[in-house]
Full PDB file with SEQRES, HELIX, SHEET, SSBOND, CRYST1, ORIGX, SCALE, CONECT and MASTER records, all heavy atoms in Angstrom:
SEQRES   1 A   42  GLU VAL SER ASP ALA THR TYR ASN ALA ALA LEU LYS ALA          
SEQRES   2 A   42  THR ARG GLU ILE LYS ARG LEU GLU ARG LYS LYS ARG ARG          
SEQRES   3 A   42  ILE GLU ALA GLU LEU GLN GLU LEU ASN TYR HIS ALA SER          
SEQRES   4 A   42  MET ILE GLU                                                  
HELIX    1 AA1 ASP A    4  ILE A   41  1                                  38    
CRYST1    1.000    1.000    1.000  90.00  90.00  90.00 P 1           1          
ORIGX1      1.000000  0.000000  0.000000        0.00000                         
ORIGX2      0.000000  1.000000  0.000000        0.00000                         
ORIGX3      0.000000  0.000000  1.000000        0.00000                         
SCALE1      1.000000  0.000000  0.000000        0.00000                         
SCALE2      0.000000  1.000000  0.000000        0.00000                         
SCALE3      0.000000  0.000000  1.000000        0.00000                         
ATOM      1  N   GLU A   1       0.790  -1.226  -0.004  1.00  0.00           N  
ATOM      2  CA  GLU A   1       0.006   0.012  -0.038  1.00  0.00           C  
ATOM      3  C   GLU A   1       0.845   1.348   0.078  1.00  0.00           C  
ATOM      4  O   GLU A   1       1.908   1.337   0.628  1.00  0.00           O  
ATOM      5  CB  GLU A   1      -0.961   0.020   1.208  1.00  0.00           C  
ATOM      6  CG  GLU A   1      -1.960  -1.140   1.272  1.00  0.00           C  
ATOM      7  CD  GLU A   1      -2.863  -0.996   2.403  1.00  0.00           C  
ATOM      8  OE1 GLU A   1      -2.700  -0.131   3.309  1.00  0.00           O  
ATOM      9  OE2 GLU A   1      -3.745  -1.876   2.572  1.00  0.00           O  
ATOM     10  N   VAL A   2       0.420   2.322  -0.657  1.00  0.00           N  
ATOM     11  CA  VAL A   2       1.116   3.611  -0.734  1.00  0.00           C  
ATOM     12  C   VAL A   2       0.847   4.323   0.404  1.00  0.00           C  
ATOM     13  O   VAL A   2      -0.426   4.664   0.782  1.00  0.00           O  
ATOM     14  CB  VAL A   2       0.661   4.301  -2.049  1.00  0.00           C  
ATOM     15  CG1 VAL A   2       1.518   5.621  -2.105  1.00  0.00           C  
ATOM     16  CG2 VAL A   2       1.079   3.460  -3.218  1.00  0.00           C  
ATOM     17  N   SER A   3       1.806   4.728   1.234  1.00  0.00           N  
ATOM     18  CA  SER A   3       1.624   5.584   2.425  1.00  0.00           C  
ATOM     19  C   SER A   3       1.230   6.958   2.104  1.00  0.00           C  
ATOM     20  O   SER A   3       1.461   7.466   0.963  1.00  0.00           O  
ATOM     21  CB  SER A   3       2.889   5.502   3.303  1.00  0.00           C  
ATOM     22  OG  SER A   3       3.969   6.124   2.642  1.00  0.00           O  
ATOM     23  N   ASP A   4       0.699   7.692   3.102  1.00  0.00           N  
ATOM     24  CA  ASP A   4       0.382   9.206   2.920  1.00  0.00           C  
ATOM     25  C   ASP A   4       1.683   9.927   2.481  1.00  0.00           C  
ATOM     26  O   ASP A   4       1.598  10.814   1.753  1.00  0.00           O  
ATOM     27  CB  ASP A   4      -0.229   9.676   4.133  1.00  0.00           C  
ATOM     28  CG  ASP A   4      -1.662   9.113   4.391  1.00  0.00           C  
ATOM     29  OD1 ASP A   4      -2.189   8.531   3.395  1.00  0.00           O  
ATOM     30  OD2 ASP A   4      -2.083   9.183   5.562  1.00  0.00           O  
ATOM     31  N   ALA A   5       2.802   9.550   3.165  1.00  0.00           N  
ATOM     32  CA  ALA A   5       3.994  10.349   2.958  1.00  0.00           C  
ATOM     33  C   ALA A   5       4.500  10.108   1.554  1.00  0.00           C  
ATOM     34  O   ALA A   5       4.860  10.992   0.870  1.00  0.00           O  
ATOM     35  CB  ALA A   5       5.087   9.809   3.892  1.00  0.00           C  
ATOM     36  N   THR A   6       4.316   8.963   1.140  1.00  0.00           N  
ATOM     37  CA  THR A   6       4.793   8.598  -0.327  1.00  0.00           C  
ATOM     38  C   THR A   6       3.868   9.319  -1.317  1.00  0.00           C  
ATOM     39  O   THR A   6       4.304   9.848  -2.419  1.00  0.00           O  
ATOM     40  CB  THR A   6       4.605   7.046  -0.562  1.00  0.00           C  
ATOM     41  OG1 THR A   6       5.458   6.399   0.307  1.00  0.00           O  
ATOM     42  CG2 THR A   6       5.174   6.797  -2.025  1.00  0.00           C  
ATOM     43  N   TYR A   7       2.548   9.316  -1.090  1.00  0.00           N  
ATOM     44  CA  TYR A   7       1.613   9.969  -2.058  1.00  0.00           C  
ATOM     45  C   TYR A   7       1.893  11.498  -2.017  1.00  0.00           C  
ATOM     46  O   TYR A   7       1.891  12.036  -3.062  1.00  0.00           O  
ATOM     47  CB  TYR A   7       0.246   9.675  -1.412  1.00  0.00           C  
ATOM     48  CG  TYR A   7      -0.782  10.546  -2.285  1.00  0.00           C  
ATOM     49  CD1 TYR A   7      -1.216  10.228  -3.499  1.00  0.00           C  
ATOM     50  CD2 TYR A   7      -1.345  11.745  -1.633  1.00  0.00           C  
ATOM     51  CE1 TYR A   7      -2.236  10.885  -4.159  1.00  0.00           C  
ATOM     52  CE2 TYR A   7      -2.257  12.507  -2.274  1.00  0.00           C  
ATOM     53  CZ  TYR A   7      -2.735  12.111  -3.575  1.00  0.00           C  
ATOM     54  OH  TYR A   7      -3.693  12.853  -4.282  1.00  0.00           O  
ATOM     55  N   ASN A   8       2.199  12.064  -0.757  1.00  0.00           N  
ATOM     56  CA  ASN A   8       2.486  13.499  -0.758  1.00  0.00           C  
ATOM     57  C   ASN A   8       3.689  13.844  -1.508  1.00  0.00           C  
ATOM     58  O   ASN A   8       3.856  14.791  -2.226  1.00  0.00           O  
ATOM     59  CB  ASN A   8       2.506  13.891   0.738  1.00  0.00           C  
ATOM     60  CG  ASN A   8       1.204  13.881   1.399  1.00  0.00           C  
ATOM     61  OD1 ASN A   8       0.181  14.056   0.669  1.00  0.00           O  
ATOM     62  ND2 ASN A   8       1.231  13.761   2.688  1.00  0.00           N  
ATOM     63  N   ALA A   9       4.702  12.915  -1.429  1.00  0.00           N  
ATOM     64  CA  ALA A   9       5.939  13.175  -2.093  1.00  0.00           C  
ATOM     65  C   ALA A   9       5.799  13.152  -3.565  1.00  0.00           C  
ATOM     66  O   ALA A   9       6.313  14.011  -4.395  1.00  0.00           O  
ATOM     67  CB  ALA A   9       6.992  12.050  -1.809  1.00  0.00           C  
ATOM     68  N   ALA A  10       4.965  12.154  -4.101  1.00  0.00           N  
ATOM     69  CA  ALA A  10       4.702  12.051  -5.505  1.00  0.00           C  
ATOM     70  C   ALA A  10       3.822  13.283  -6.052  1.00  0.00           C  
ATOM     71  O   ALA A  10       4.231  13.822  -7.066  1.00  0.00           O  
ATOM     72  CB  ALA A  10       3.881  10.737  -5.780  1.00  0.00           C  
ATOM     73  N   LEU A  11       2.904  13.741  -5.182  1.00  0.00           N  
ATOM     74  CA  LEU A  11       2.090  14.951  -5.520  1.00  0.00           C  
ATOM     75  C   LEU A  11       3.046  16.163  -5.632  1.00  0.00           C  
ATOM     76  O   LEU A  11       2.873  16.932  -6.617  1.00  0.00           O  
ATOM     77  CB  LEU A  11       0.957  15.158  -4.625  1.00  0.00           C  
ATOM     78  CG  LEU A  11      -0.056  16.159  -4.836  1.00  0.00           C  
ATOM     79  CD1 LEU A  11      -0.738  15.966  -6.172  1.00  0.00           C  
ATOM     80  CD2 LEU A  11      -0.996  16.358  -3.667  1.00  0.00           C  
ATOM     81  N   LYS A  12       3.948  16.297  -4.597  1.00  0.00           N  
ATOM     82  CA  LYS A  12       4.832  17.449  -4.666  1.00  0.00           C  
ATOM     83  C   LYS A  12       5.776  17.359  -5.897  1.00  0.00           C  
ATOM     84  O   LYS A  12       5.979  18.393  -6.439  1.00  0.00           O  
ATOM     85  CB  LYS A  12       5.665  17.357  -3.382  1.00  0.00           C  
ATOM     86  CG  LYS A  12       6.583  18.607  -3.306  1.00  0.00           C  
ATOM     87  CD  LYS A  12       7.326  18.509  -1.891  1.00  0.00           C  
ATOM     88  CE  LYS A  12       8.343  19.674  -1.729  1.00  0.00           C  
ATOM     89  NZ  LYS A  12       9.101  19.644  -0.403  1.00  0.00           N  
ATOM     90  N   ALA A  13       6.291  16.248  -6.288  1.00  0.00           N  
ATOM     91  CA  ALA A  13       7.145  16.065  -7.432  1.00  0.00           C  
ATOM     92  C   ALA A  13       6.348  16.487  -8.671  1.00  0.00           C  
ATOM     93  O   ALA A  13       6.921  17.119  -9.543  1.00  0.00           O  
ATOM     94  CB  ALA A  13       7.613  14.663  -7.515  1.00  0.00           C  
ATOM     95  N   THR A  14       4.993  16.063  -8.836  1.00  0.00           N  
ATOM     96  CA  THR A  14       4.321  16.395  -9.962  1.00  0.00           C  
ATOM     97  C   THR A  14       4.111  17.976 -10.049  1.00  0.00           C  
ATOM     98  O   THR A  14       4.224  18.485 -11.187  1.00  0.00           O  
ATOM     99  CB  THR A  14       2.803  15.762  -9.844  1.00  0.00           C  
ATOM    100  OG1 THR A  14       3.008  14.383  -9.795  1.00  0.00           O  
ATOM    101  CG2 THR A  14       1.990  16.014 -11.068  1.00  0.00           C  
ATOM    102  N   ARG A  15       3.749  18.508  -8.958  1.00  0.00           N  
ATOM    103  CA  ARG A  15       3.636  20.030  -8.953  1.00  0.00           C  
ATOM    104  C   ARG A  15       4.889  20.779  -9.423  1.00  0.00           C  
ATOM    105  O   ARG A  15       4.889  21.716 -10.099  1.00  0.00           O  
ATOM    106  CB  ARG A  15       3.070  20.505  -7.643  1.00  0.00           C  
ATOM    107  CG  ARG A  15       1.627  20.115  -7.324  1.00  0.00           C  
ATOM    108  CD  ARG A  15       1.354  20.388  -5.917  1.00  0.00           C  
ATOM    109  NE  ARG A  15      -0.068  20.140  -5.578  1.00  0.00           N  
ATOM    110  CZ  ARG A  15      -0.581  20.110  -4.350  1.00  0.00           C  
ATOM    111  NH1 ARG A  15       0.145  20.377  -3.408  1.00  0.00           N  
ATOM    112  NH2 ARG A  15      -1.944  19.783  -4.206  1.00  0.00           N  
ATOM    113  N   GLU A  16       6.011  20.276  -8.793  1.00  0.00           N  
ATOM    114  CA  GLU A  16       7.249  20.862  -9.096  1.00  0.00           C  
ATOM    115  C   GLU A  16       7.570  20.660 -10.640  1.00  0.00           C  
ATOM    116  O   GLU A  16       8.143  21.581 -11.322  1.00  0.00           O  
ATOM    117  CB  GLU A  16       8.359  20.193  -8.339  1.00  0.00           C  
ATOM    118  CG  GLU A  16       9.787  20.730  -8.457  1.00  0.00           C  
ATOM    119  CD  GLU A  16       9.910  22.174  -8.012  1.00  0.00           C  
ATOM    120  OE1 GLU A  16       8.927  22.829  -7.407  1.00  0.00           O  
ATOM    121  OE2 GLU A  16      10.954  22.895  -8.382  1.00  0.00           O  
ATOM    122  N   ILE A  17       7.344  19.483 -11.264  1.00  0.00           N  
ATOM    123  CA  ILE A  17       7.531  19.265 -12.598  1.00  0.00           C  
ATOM    124  C   ILE A  17       6.663  20.290 -13.497  1.00  0.00           C  
ATOM    125  O   ILE A  17       7.307  20.896 -14.471  1.00  0.00           O  
ATOM    126  CB  ILE A  17       7.157  17.865 -13.053  1.00  0.00           C  
ATOM    127  CG1 ILE A  17       8.257  16.893 -12.443  1.00  0.00           C  
ATOM    128  CG2 ILE A  17       7.141  17.711 -14.619  1.00  0.00           C  
ATOM    129  CD1 ILE A  17       7.978  15.476 -12.665  1.00  0.00           C  
ATOM    130  N   LYS A  18       5.478  20.481 -13.131  1.00  0.00           N  
ATOM    131  CA  LYS A  18       4.621  21.450 -13.810  1.00  0.00           C  
ATOM    132  C   LYS A  18       5.161  22.818 -13.758  1.00  0.00           C  
ATOM    133  O   LYS A  18       5.181  23.664 -14.661  1.00  0.00           O  
ATOM    134  CB  LYS A  18       3.168  21.450 -13.345  1.00  0.00           C  
ATOM    135  CG  LYS A  18       2.420  20.147 -13.663  1.00  0.00           C  
ATOM    136  CD  LYS A  18       1.084  20.078 -13.162  1.00  0.00           C  
ATOM    137  CE  LYS A  18       0.318  18.771 -13.559  1.00  0.00           C  
ATOM    138  NZ  LYS A  18      -1.135  18.866 -13.031  1.00  0.00           N  
ATOM    139  N   ARG A  19       5.641  23.268 -12.571  1.00  0.00           N  
ATOM    140  CA  ARG A  19       6.216  24.640 -12.332  1.00  0.00           C  
ATOM    141  C   ARG A  19       7.441  24.713 -13.161  1.00  0.00           C  
ATOM    142  O   ARG A  19       7.699  25.760 -13.889  1.00  0.00           O  
ATOM    143  CB  ARG A  19       6.633  24.851 -10.940  1.00  0.00           C  
ATOM    144  CG  ARG A  19       7.047  26.151 -10.590  1.00  0.00           C  
ATOM    145  CD  ARG A  19       7.605  26.247  -9.177  1.00  0.00           C  
ATOM    146  NE  ARG A  19       8.833  25.524  -8.999  1.00  0.00           N  
ATOM    147  CZ  ARG A  19      10.095  26.142  -9.399  1.00  0.00           C  
ATOM    148  NH1 ARG A  19      10.129  27.268  -9.886  1.00  0.00           N  
ATOM    149  NH2 ARG A  19      11.143  25.364  -9.266  1.00  0.00           N  
ATOM    150  N   LEU A  20       8.317  23.760 -13.301  1.00  0.00           N  
ATOM    151  CA  LEU A  20       9.609  23.774 -13.986  1.00  0.00           C  
ATOM    152  C   LEU A  20       9.286  23.797 -15.513  1.00  0.00           C  
ATOM    153  O   LEU A  20       9.998  24.449 -16.360  1.00  0.00           O  
ATOM    154  CB  LEU A  20      10.551  22.637 -13.722  1.00  0.00           C  
ATOM    155  CG  LEU A  20      11.069  22.592 -12.367  1.00  0.00           C  
ATOM    156  CD1 LEU A  20      11.756  21.262 -11.948  1.00  0.00           C  
ATOM    157  CD2 LEU A  20      12.064  23.730 -12.146  1.00  0.00           C  
ATOM    158  N   GLU A  21       8.197  23.143 -16.029  1.00  0.00           N  
ATOM    159  CA  GLU A  21       7.892  23.168 -17.336  1.00  0.00           C  
ATOM    160  C   GLU A  21       7.281  24.498 -17.806  1.00  0.00           C  
ATOM    161  O   GLU A  21       7.601  25.021 -18.918  1.00  0.00           O  
ATOM    162  CB  GLU A  21       6.888  22.100 -17.726  1.00  0.00           C  
ATOM    163  CG  GLU A  21       7.511  20.679 -17.696  1.00  0.00           C  
ATOM    164  CD  GLU A  21       6.455  19.522 -17.877  1.00  0.00           C  
ATOM    165  OE1 GLU A  21       5.181  19.752 -17.646  1.00  0.00           O  
ATOM    166  OE2 GLU A  21       6.930  18.460 -18.133  1.00  0.00           O  
ATOM    167  N   ARG A  22       6.561  25.277 -16.883  1.00  0.00           N  
ATOM    168  CA  ARG A  22       6.043  26.486 -17.184  1.00  0.00           C  
ATOM    169  C   ARG A  22       7.345  27.505 -17.294  1.00  0.00           C  
ATOM    170  O   ARG A  22       7.436  28.307 -18.176  1.00  0.00           O  
ATOM    171  CB  ARG A  22       5.200  27.009 -16.094  1.00  0.00           C  
ATOM    172  CG  ARG A  22       3.725  26.350 -16.219  1.00  0.00           C  
ATOM    173  CD  ARG A  22       2.756  27.151 -15.326  1.00  0.00           C  
ATOM    174  NE  ARG A  22       3.234  27.285 -13.918  1.00  0.00           N  
ATOM    175  CZ  ARG A  22       2.757  26.351 -12.988  1.00  0.00           C  
ATOM    176  NH1 ARG A  22       2.059  25.312 -13.336  1.00  0.00           N  
ATOM    177  NH2 ARG A  22       3.201  26.497 -11.763  1.00  0.00           N  
ATOM    178  N   LYS A  23       8.284  27.340 -16.427  1.00  0.00           N  
ATOM    179  CA  LYS A  23       9.449  28.118 -16.457  1.00  0.00           C  
ATOM    180  C   LYS A  23      10.275  27.869 -17.665  1.00  0.00           C  
ATOM    181  O   LYS A  23      10.813  28.815 -18.275  1.00  0.00           O  
ATOM    182  CB  LYS A  23      10.395  27.733 -15.235  1.00  0.00           C  
ATOM    183  CG  LYS A  23      11.620  28.608 -15.123  1.00  0.00           C  
ATOM    184  CD  LYS A  23      12.429  28.217 -13.859  1.00  0.00           C  
ATOM    185  CE  LYS A  23      13.717  29.139 -13.737  1.00  0.00           C  
ATOM    186  NZ  LYS A  23      14.531  28.775 -12.513  1.00  0.00           N  
ATOM    187  N   LYS A  24      10.419  26.639 -18.105  1.00  0.00           N  
ATOM    188  CA  LYS A  24      11.090  26.359 -19.376  1.00  0.00           C  
ATOM    189  C   LYS A  24      10.422  27.032 -20.573  1.00  0.00           C  
ATOM    190  O   LYS A  24      11.023  27.500 -21.363  1.00  0.00           O  
ATOM    191  CB  LYS A  24      11.078  24.831 -19.465  1.00  0.00           C  
ATOM    192  CG  LYS A  24      11.869  24.439 -20.815  1.00  0.00           C  
ATOM    193  CD  LYS A  24      11.852  22.839 -20.915  1.00  0.00           C  
ATOM    194  CE  LYS A  24      12.545  22.452 -22.230  1.00  0.00           C  
ATOM    195  NZ  LYS A  24      12.653  20.934 -22.337  1.00  0.00           N  
ATOM    196  N   ARG A  25       9.094  26.985 -20.646  1.00  0.00           N  
ATOM    197  CA  ARG A  25       8.351  27.631 -21.757  1.00  0.00           C  
ATOM    198  C   ARG A  25       8.552  29.050 -21.803  1.00  0.00           C  
ATOM    199  O   ARG A  25       8.668  29.744 -22.860  1.00  0.00           O  
ATOM    200  CB  ARG A  25       6.922  27.292 -21.711  1.00  0.00           C  
ATOM    201  CG  ARG A  25       6.601  25.820 -22.076  1.00  0.00           C  
ATOM    202  CD  ARG A  25       4.979  25.631 -22.237  1.00  0.00           C  
ATOM    203  NE  ARG A  25       4.298  25.814 -21.065  1.00  0.00           N  
ATOM    204  CZ  ARG A  25       3.963  25.071 -20.172  1.00  0.00           C  
ATOM    205  NH1 ARG A  25       4.373  23.560 -20.396  1.00  0.00           N  
ATOM    206  NH2 ARG A  25       3.264  25.168 -19.105  1.00  0.00           N  
ATOM    207  N   ARG A  26       8.567  29.742 -20.656  1.00  0.00           N  
ATOM    208  CA  ARG A  26       8.794  31.084 -20.490  1.00  0.00           C  
ATOM    209  C   ARG A  26      10.238  31.502 -20.953  1.00  0.00           C  
ATOM    210  O   ARG A  26      10.422  32.490 -21.794  1.00  0.00           O  
ATOM    211  CB  ARG A  26       8.647  31.589 -19.120  1.00  0.00           C  
ATOM    212  CG  ARG A  26       8.995  33.060 -18.891  1.00  0.00           C  
ATOM    213  CD  ARG A  26       8.778  33.519 -17.433  1.00  0.00           C  
ATOM    214  NE  ARG A  26       9.465  32.760 -16.351  1.00  0.00           N  
ATOM    215  CZ  ARG A  26      10.864  32.930 -16.203  1.00  0.00           C  
ATOM    216  NH1 ARG A  26      11.424  33.869 -16.870  1.00  0.00           N  
ATOM    217  NH2 ARG A  26      11.475  32.188 -15.306  1.00  0.00           N  
ATOM    218  N   ILE A  27      11.238  30.686 -20.620  1.00  0.00           N  
ATOM    219  CA  ILE A  27      12.568  31.107 -21.031  1.00  0.00           C  
ATOM    220  C   ILE A  27      12.782  30.851 -22.549  1.00  0.00           C  
ATOM    221  O   ILE A  27      13.365  31.768 -23.298  1.00  0.00           O  
ATOM    222  CB  ILE A  27      13.608  30.127 -20.197  1.00  0.00           C  
ATOM    223  CG1 ILE A  27      13.655  30.530 -18.795  1.00  0.00           C  
ATOM    224  CG2 ILE A  27      15.028  30.313 -20.820  1.00  0.00           C  
ATOM    225  CD1 ILE A  27      14.496  29.511 -17.890  1.00  0.00           C  
ATOM    226  N   GLU A  28      12.016  29.876 -23.165  1.00  0.00           N  
ATOM    227  CA  GLU A  28      12.141  29.586 -24.465  1.00  0.00           C  
ATOM    228  C   GLU A  28      11.488  30.665 -25.289  1.00  0.00           C  
ATOM    229  O   GLU A  28      11.976  31.032 -26.315  1.00  0.00           O  
ATOM    230  CB  GLU A  28      11.446  28.234 -24.873  1.00  0.00           C  
ATOM    231  CG  GLU A  28      12.258  27.007 -24.344  1.00  0.00           C  
ATOM    232  CD  GLU A  28      11.507  25.710 -24.491  1.00  0.00           C  
ATOM    233  OE1 GLU A  28      10.236  25.744 -24.596  1.00  0.00           O  
ATOM    234  OE2 GLU A  28      12.164  24.591 -24.642  1.00  0.00           O  
ATOM    235  N   ALA A  29      10.334  31.182 -24.664  1.00  0.00           N  
ATOM    236  CA  ALA A  29       9.720  32.311 -25.497  1.00  0.00           C  
ATOM    237  C   ALA A  29      10.568  33.658 -25.295  1.00  0.00           C  
ATOM    238  O   ALA A  29      10.648  34.326 -26.544  1.00  0.00           O  
ATOM    239  CB  ALA A  29       8.334  32.695 -24.782  1.00  0.00           C  
ATOM    240  N   GLU A  30      11.211  33.836 -24.268  1.00  0.00           N  
ATOM    241  CA  GLU A  30      12.107  34.943 -24.149  1.00  0.00           C  
ATOM    242  C   GLU A  30      13.363  34.794 -25.156  1.00  0.00           C  
ATOM    243  O   GLU A  30      13.768  35.790 -25.644  1.00  0.00           O  
ATOM    244  CB  GLU A  30      12.599  34.947 -22.780  1.00  0.00           C  
ATOM    245  CG  GLU A  30      11.581  35.558 -21.713  1.00  0.00           C  
ATOM    246  CD  GLU A  30      12.112  35.434 -20.337  1.00  0.00           C  
ATOM    247  OE1 GLU A  30      13.225  34.994 -20.070  1.00  0.00           O  
ATOM    248  OE2 GLU A  30      11.376  35.881 -19.379  1.00  0.00           O  
ATOM    249  N   LEU A  31      13.851  33.632 -25.210  1.00  0.00           N  
ATOM    250  CA  LEU A  31      14.932  33.322 -26.145  1.00  0.00           C  
ATOM    251  C   LEU A  31      14.543  33.579 -27.511  1.00  0.00           C  
ATOM    252  O   LEU A  31      15.260  34.231 -28.363  1.00  0.00           O  
ATOM    253  CB  LEU A  31      15.442  31.873 -25.925  1.00  0.00           C  
ATOM    254  CG  LEU A  31      16.762  31.586 -26.568  1.00  0.00           C  
ATOM    255  CD1 LEU A  31      17.958  32.427 -26.148  1.00  0.00           C  
ATOM    256  CD2 LEU A  31      17.071  30.112 -26.217  1.00  0.00           C  
ATOM    257  N   GLN A  32      13.313  33.165 -27.930  1.00  0.00           N  
ATOM    258  CA  GLN A  32      12.762  33.279 -29.282  1.00  0.00           C  
ATOM    259  C   GLN A  32      12.659  34.825 -29.612  1.00  0.00           C  
ATOM    260  O   GLN A  32      12.950  35.220 -30.714  1.00  0.00           O  
ATOM    261  CB  GLN A  32      11.481  32.557 -29.396  1.00  0.00           C  
ATOM    262  CG  GLN A  32      10.906  32.656 -30.910  1.00  0.00           C  
ATOM    263  CD  GLN A  32       9.690  31.827 -31.036  1.00  0.00           C  
ATOM    264  OE1 GLN A  32       9.057  31.394 -30.015  1.00  0.00           O  
ATOM    265  NE2 GLN A  32       9.115  31.666 -32.252  1.00  0.00           N  
ATOM    266  N   GLU A  33      12.040  35.517 -28.600  1.00  0.00           N  
ATOM    267  CA  GLU A  33      11.942  36.995 -28.856  1.00  0.00           C  
ATOM    268  C   GLU A  33      13.236  37.699 -28.913  1.00  0.00           C  
ATOM    269  O   GLU A  33      13.488  38.584 -29.740  1.00  0.00           O  
ATOM    270  CB  GLU A  33      11.117  37.563 -27.681  1.00  0.00           C  
ATOM    271  CG  GLU A  33      10.865  38.935 -27.838  1.00  0.00           C  
ATOM    272  CD  GLU A  33       9.812  39.511 -26.796  1.00  0.00           C  
ATOM    273  OE1 GLU A  33       9.107  38.670 -26.201  1.00  0.00           O  
ATOM    274  OE2 GLU A  33       9.860  40.808 -26.445  1.00  0.00           O  
ATOM    275  N   LEU A  34      14.242  37.251 -28.122  1.00  0.00           N  
ATOM    276  CA  LEU A  34      15.550  37.856 -28.225  1.00  0.00           C  
ATOM    277  C   LEU A  34      16.189  37.655 -29.593  1.00  0.00           C  
ATOM    278  O   LEU A  34      16.723  38.564 -30.146  1.00  0.00           O  
ATOM    279  CB  LEU A  34      16.433  37.234 -27.107  1.00  0.00           C  
ATOM    280  CG  LEU A  34      17.901  37.593 -27.165  1.00  0.00           C  
ATOM    281  CD1 LEU A  34      18.215  39.053 -26.910  1.00  0.00           C  
ATOM    282  CD2 LEU A  34      18.731  36.659 -26.300  1.00  0.00           C  
ATOM    283  N   ASN A  35      16.090  36.410 -30.040  1.00  0.00           N  
ATOM    284  CA  ASN A  35      16.733  36.056 -31.361  1.00  0.00           C  
ATOM    285  C   ASN A  35      16.059  36.938 -32.474  1.00  0.00           C  
ATOM    286  O   ASN A  35      16.806  37.362 -33.440  1.00  0.00           O  
ATOM    287  CB  ASN A  35      16.542  34.603 -31.667  1.00  0.00           C  
ATOM    288  CG  ASN A  35      17.449  33.744 -30.856  1.00  0.00           C  
ATOM    289  OD1 ASN A  35      18.513  34.235 -30.380  1.00  0.00           O  
ATOM    290  ND2 ASN A  35      17.104  32.481 -30.516  1.00  0.00           N  
ATOM    291  N   TYR A  36      14.769  36.971 -32.453  1.00  0.00           N  
ATOM    292  CA  TYR A  36      14.037  37.701 -33.511  1.00  0.00           C  
ATOM    293  C   TYR A  36      14.478  39.188 -33.514  1.00  0.00           C  
ATOM    294  O   TYR A  36      14.775  39.758 -34.492  1.00  0.00           O  
ATOM    295  CB  TYR A  36      12.554  37.716 -33.344  1.00  0.00           C  
ATOM    296  CG  TYR A  36      11.734  38.631 -34.167  1.00  0.00           C  
ATOM    297  CD1 TYR A  36      11.619  38.362 -35.516  1.00  0.00           C  
ATOM    298  CD2 TYR A  36      11.179  39.751 -33.680  1.00  0.00           C  
ATOM    299  CE1 TYR A  36      10.908  39.202 -36.345  1.00  0.00           C  
ATOM    300  CE2 TYR A  36      10.410  40.637 -34.550  1.00  0.00           C  
ATOM    301  CZ  TYR A  36      10.315  40.349 -35.821  1.00  0.00           C  
ATOM    302  OH  TYR A  36       9.691  41.210 -36.663  1.00  0.00           O  
ATOM    303  N   HIS A  37      14.405  39.988 -32.323  1.00  0.00           N  
ATOM    304  CA  HIS A  37      14.756  41.390 -32.287  1.00  0.00           C  
ATOM    305  C   HIS A  37      16.167  41.537 -32.688  1.00  0.00           C  
ATOM    306  O   HIS A  37      16.480  42.512 -33.330  1.00  0.00           O  
ATOM    307  CB  HIS A  37      14.456  41.909 -30.873  1.00  0.00           C  
ATOM    308  CG  HIS A  37      12.993  41.959 -30.567  1.00  0.00           C  
ATOM    309  ND1 HIS A  37      12.414  41.804 -29.357  1.00  0.00           N  
ATOM    310  CD2 HIS A  37      11.967  42.250 -31.422  1.00  0.00           C  
ATOM    311  CE1 HIS A  37      11.148  42.033 -29.331  1.00  0.00           C  
ATOM    312  NE2 HIS A  37      10.815  42.185 -30.559  1.00  0.00           N  
ATOM    313  N   ALA A  38      17.022  40.607 -32.206  1.00  0.00           N  
ATOM    314  CA  ALA A  38      18.521  40.824 -32.508  1.00  0.00           C  
ATOM    315  C   ALA A  38      18.739  40.664 -33.940  1.00  0.00           C  
ATOM    316  O   ALA A  38      19.557  41.452 -34.538  1.00  0.00           O  
ATOM    317  CB  ALA A  38      19.359  39.793 -31.707  1.00  0.00           C  
ATOM    318  N   SER A  39      17.990  39.875 -34.583  1.00  0.00           N  
ATOM    319  CA  SER A  39      18.123  39.555 -36.070  1.00  0.00           C  
ATOM    320  C   SER A  39      17.702  40.738 -36.786  1.00  0.00           C  
ATOM    321  O   SER A  39      18.349  41.203 -37.896  1.00  0.00           O  
ATOM    322  CB  SER A  39      17.520  38.374 -36.576  1.00  0.00           C  
ATOM    323  OG  SER A  39      16.162  38.436 -36.404  1.00  0.00           O  
ATOM    324  N   MET A  40      16.631  41.409 -36.405  1.00  0.00           N  
ATOM    325  CA  MET A  40      16.106  42.584 -37.019  1.00  0.00           C  
ATOM    326  C   MET A  40      17.164  43.728 -36.936  1.00  0.00           C  
ATOM    327  O   MET A  40      17.411  44.503 -37.932  1.00  0.00           O  
ATOM    328  CB  MET A  40      14.813  42.994 -36.446  1.00  0.00           C  
ATOM    329  CG  MET A  40      13.599  42.028 -36.621  1.00  0.00           C  
ATOM    330  SD  MET A  40      13.159  42.071 -38.402  1.00  0.00           S  
ATOM    331  CE  MET A  40      12.719  43.688 -38.778  1.00  0.00           C  
ATOM    332  N   ILE A  41      17.595  43.942 -35.754  1.00  0.00           N  
ATOM    333  CA  ILE A  41      18.599  45.054 -35.528  1.00  0.00           C  
ATOM    334  C   ILE A  41      19.914  44.828 -36.356  1.00  0.00           C  
ATOM    335  O   ILE A  41      20.393  45.594 -36.970  1.00  0.00           O  
ATOM    336  CB  ILE A  41      18.963  45.161 -34.124  1.00  0.00           C  
ATOM    337  CG1 ILE A  41      17.757  45.533 -33.320  1.00  0.00           C  
ATOM    338  CG2 ILE A  41      19.994  46.377 -33.827  1.00  0.00           C  
ATOM    339  CD1 ILE A  41      17.744  45.392 -31.771  1.00  0.00           C  
ATOM    340  N   GLU A  42      20.406  43.560 -36.277  1.00  0.00           N  
ATOM    341  CA  GLU A  42      21.604  43.210 -37.079  1.00  0.00           C  
ATOM    342  C   GLU A  42      21.439  43.478 -38.516  1.00  0.00           C  
ATOM    343  O   GLU A  42      22.416  43.920 -39.196  1.00  0.00           O  
ATOM    344  CB  GLU A  42      21.929  41.711 -36.707  1.00  0.00           C  
ATOM    345  CG  GLU A  42      23.278  41.319 -37.422  1.00  0.00           C  
ATOM    346  CD  GLU A  42      23.775  39.955 -37.015  1.00  0.00           C  
ATOM    347  OE1 GLU A  42      22.881  39.195 -36.514  1.00  0.00           O  
ATOM    348  OE2 GLU A  42      24.910  39.594 -37.303  1.00  0.00           O  
TER     349      GLU A  42                                                      
MASTER        0    0    0    1    0    0    0    6  348    1    0    4          
END                                                                             
């Protein structure tokens, strides 16, 4: 049987993965915008 502590750890890990994936998408969008503006200026 899965203990409460184990379930909570898994739930916490899932939430952390979602947070990190949002952060990754944000950085990728910023990088794309940077490349576009830099190429226009260049």
